[in-house]
Amino acid sequence: MADRKLKVTLTKSLIGLSPRQEATVKALGLRRMNQSALHDDTATIRGMIAKVPHMLRVSHEA
């Protein structure tokens, strides 16, 4: 699974999030709206994405 990549894009503002959710988004490397980051497709990254699915758009990269 780790050989695949996930492109994670922040679609909403961090304003109003709980501190834990905000820390999760920042740990994914996202600071601004519409900013994207590439991550390996691992259970850890998927767990982080699952904590804030309403804030992110996730797509698979080759």
N, C-alpha and C. Protein backbone atom coordinates (compact mmCIF):
# COMPACT_ATOMS: atom_id res chain seq x y z
N MET A 1 0.81 -1.19 0.00
CA MET A 1 0.00 0.00 0.00
C MET A 1 0.86 1.26 0.00
N ALA A 2 2.05 1.20 0.57
CA ALA A 2 2.88 2.40 0.71
C ALA A 2 3.45 2.88 -0.61
N ASP A 3 3.40 2.04 -1.66
CA ASP A 3 3.94 2.48 -2.94
C ASP A 3 2.99 3.43 -3.66
N ARG A 4 1.75 3.53 -3.21
CA ARG A 4 0.79 4.47 -3.79
C ARG A 4 0.86 5.79 -3.04
N LYS A 5 0.47 6.85 -3.71
CA LYS A 5 0.49 8.19 -3.11
C LYS A 5 -0.93 8.74 -3.03
N LEU A 6 -1.18 9.53 -2.03
CA LEU A 6 -2.44 10.24 -1.88
C LEU A 6 -2.17 11.73 -1.98
N LYS A 7 -2.96 12.42 -2.77
CA LYS A 7 -2.89 13.87 -2.85
C LYS A 7 -4.02 14.41 -1.97
N VAL A 8 -3.65 15.13 -0.92
CA VAL A 8 -4.60 15.65 0.05
C VAL A 8 -4.65 17.16 -0.13
N THR A 9 -5.87 17.70 -0.31
CA THR A 9 -6.05 19.14 -0.52
C THR A 9 -6.99 19.69 0.54
N LEU A 10 -6.61 20.79 1.16
CA LEU A 10 -7.44 21.46 2.15
C LEU A 10 -8.49 22.28 1.43
N THR A 11 -9.77 22.00 1.68
CA THR A 11 -10.84 22.68 0.95
C THR A 11 -11.55 23.75 1.77
N LYS A 12 -11.38 23.74 3.08
CA LYS A 12 -12.05 24.73 3.93
C LYS A 12 -11.04 25.37 4.87
N SER A 13 -11.42 26.49 5.44
CA SER A 13 -10.56 27.23 6.35
C SER A 13 -10.40 26.50 7.67
N LEU A 14 -9.27 26.72 8.33
CA LEU A 14 -9.02 26.12 9.64
C LEU A 14 -9.75 26.86 10.77
N ILE A 15 -10.31 28.02 10.47
CA ILE A 15 -11.00 28.81 11.49
C ILE A 15 -12.19 28.02 12.03
N GLY A 16 -12.28 27.93 13.34
CA GLY A 16 -13.40 27.26 13.98
C GLY A 16 -13.17 25.80 14.29
N LEU A 17 -12.05 25.25 13.87
CA LEU A 17 -11.76 23.85 14.20
C LEU A 17 -11.31 23.73 15.64
N SER A 18 -11.50 22.54 16.20
CA SER A 18 -10.96 22.29 17.53
C SER A 18 -9.43 22.26 17.41
N PRO A 19 -8.74 22.51 18.50
CA PRO A 19 -7.27 22.48 18.44
C PRO A 19 -6.71 21.14 17.96
N ARG A 20 -7.34 20.04 18.31
CA ARG A 20 -6.86 18.72 17.87
C ARG A 20 -7.04 18.55 16.36
N GLN A 21 -8.18 18.99 15.83
CA GLN A 21 -8.40 18.89 14.39
C GLN A 21 -7.43 19.79 13.64
N GLU A 22 -7.21 20.98 14.15
CA GLU A 22 -6.28 21.91 13.51
C GLU A 22 -4.87 21.33 13.49
N ALA A 23 -4.47 20.69 14.59
CA ALA A 23 -3.15 20.07 14.66
C ALA A 23 -3.02 18.92 13.67
N THR A 24 -4.10 18.18 13.47
CA THR A 24 -4.09 17.07 12.52
C THR A 24 -3.89 17.58 11.10
N VAL A 25 -4.62 18.64 10.74
CA VAL A 25 -4.49 19.21 9.40
C VAL A 25 -3.08 19.76 9.19
N LYS A 26 -2.54 20.44 10.19
CA LYS A 26 -1.19 20.98 10.07
C LYS A 26 -0.15 19.87 9.99
N ALA A 27 -0.38 18.76 10.68
CA ALA A 27 0.56 17.63 10.62
C ALA A 27 0.55 16.98 9.24
N LEU A 28 -0.54 17.14 8.51
CA LEU A 28 -0.58 16.67 7.12
C LEU A 28 0.16 17.62 6.18
N GLY A 29 0.65 18.74 6.71
CA GLY A 29 1.43 19.68 5.91
C GLY A 29 0.58 20.71 5.21
N LEU A 30 -0.64 20.92 5.69
CA LEU A 30 -1.56 21.87 5.05
C LEU A 30 -1.75 23.09 5.94
N ARG A 31 -1.54 24.25 5.37
CA ARG A 31 -1.64 25.50 6.14
C ARG A 31 -2.70 26.44 5.57
N ARG A 32 -2.86 26.44 4.24
CA ARG A 32 -3.76 27.39 3.58
C ARG A 32 -4.81 26.64 2.76
N MET A 33 -5.92 27.30 2.51
CA MET A 33 -6.97 26.72 1.68
C MET A 33 -6.42 26.42 0.28
N ASN A 34 -6.88 25.33 -0.29
CA ASN A 34 -6.50 24.87 -1.62
C ASN A 34 -5.04 24.44 -1.72
N GLN A 35 -4.35 24.33 -0.61
CA GLN A 35 -2.98 23.82 -0.61
C GLN A 35 -3.04 22.29 -0.64
N SER A 36 -2.14 21.68 -1.37
CA SER A 36 -2.10 20.23 -1.50
C SER A 36 -0.78 19.67 -0.98
N ALA A 37 -0.84 18.41 -0.57
CA ALA A 37 0.37 17.71 -0.13
C ALA A 37 0.27 16.26 -0.59
N LEU A 38 1.41 15.68 -0.93
CA LEU A 38 1.46 14.27 -1.32
C LEU A 38 1.96 13.45 -0.14
N HIS A 39 1.28 12.33 0.13
CA HIS A 39 1.66 11.44 1.22
C HIS A 39 1.59 10.01 0.73
N ASP A 40 2.40 9.15 1.36
CA ASP A 40 2.29 7.73 1.09
C ASP A 40 0.95 7.23 1.60
N ASP A 41 0.40 6.23 0.95
CA ASP A 41 -0.89 5.66 1.33
C ASP A 41 -0.67 4.64 2.45
N THR A 42 -0.59 5.15 3.69
CA THR A 42 -0.36 4.29 4.84
C THR A 42 -1.55 4.39 5.79
N ALA A 43 -1.62 3.46 6.72
CA ALA A 43 -2.70 3.45 7.70
C ALA A 43 -2.68 4.71 8.57
N THR A 44 -1.50 5.20 8.88
CA THR A 44 -1.37 6.41 9.70
C THR A 44 -1.96 7.62 9.00
N ILE A 45 -1.62 7.81 7.74
CA ILE A 45 -2.13 8.95 6.98
C ILE A 45 -3.64 8.81 6.79
N ARG A 46 -4.11 7.60 6.50
CA ARG A 46 -5.55 7.39 6.33
C ARG A 46 -6.31 7.68 7.62
N GLY A 47 -5.71 7.36 8.76
CA GLY A 47 -6.33 7.67 10.04
C GLY A 47 -6.43 9.17 10.28
N MET A 48 -5.39 9.90 9.90
CA MET A 48 -5.41 11.36 10.03
C MET A 48 -6.48 11.96 9.13
N ILE A 49 -6.59 11.44 7.91
CA ILE A 49 -7.60 11.93 6.98
C ILE A 49 -9.00 11.64 7.53
N ALA A 50 -9.17 10.50 8.17
CA ALA A 50 -10.49 10.11 8.71
C ALA A 50 -10.94 11.03 9.84
N LYS A 51 -10.01 11.71 10.50
CA LYS A 51 -10.36 12.61 11.60
C LYS A 51 -10.93 13.94 11.12
N VAL A 52 -10.61 14.34 9.88
CA VAL A 52 -11.10 15.62 9.36
C VAL A 52 -11.57 15.48 7.90
N PRO A 53 -12.45 14.52 7.60
CA PRO A 53 -12.84 14.31 6.20
C PRO A 53 -13.63 15.47 5.61
N HIS A 54 -14.29 16.25 6.46
CA HIS A 54 -15.09 17.37 5.99
C HIS A 54 -14.23 18.55 5.53
N MET A 55 -12.93 18.49 5.79
CA MET A 55 -12.03 19.58 5.44
C MET A 55 -11.17 19.28 4.22
N LEU A 56 -11.14 18.00 3.81
CA LEU A 56 -10.15 17.57 2.82
C LEU A 56 -10.78 16.98 1.57
N ARG A 57 -10.03 17.07 0.47
CA ARG A 57 -10.33 16.34 -0.75
C ARG A 57 -9.13 15.44 -1.00
N VAL A 58 -9.39 14.14 -1.19
CA VAL A 58 -8.31 13.17 -1.34
C VAL A 58 -8.42 12.52 -2.71
N SER A 59 -7.30 12.43 -3.41
CA SER A 59 -7.27 11.74 -4.69
C SER A 59 -6.01 10.89 -4.75
N HIS A 60 -6.04 9.87 -5.60
CA HIS A 60 -4.90 8.98 -5.76
C HIS A 60 -3.97 9.52 -6.83
N GLU A 61 -2.69 9.41 -6.57
CA GLU A 61 -1.67 9.80 -7.55
C GLU A 61 -0.95 8.55 -8.00
N ALA A 62 -0.51 8.55 -9.22
CA ALA A 62 0.18 7.37 -9.77
C ALA A 62 1.55 7.18 -9.18
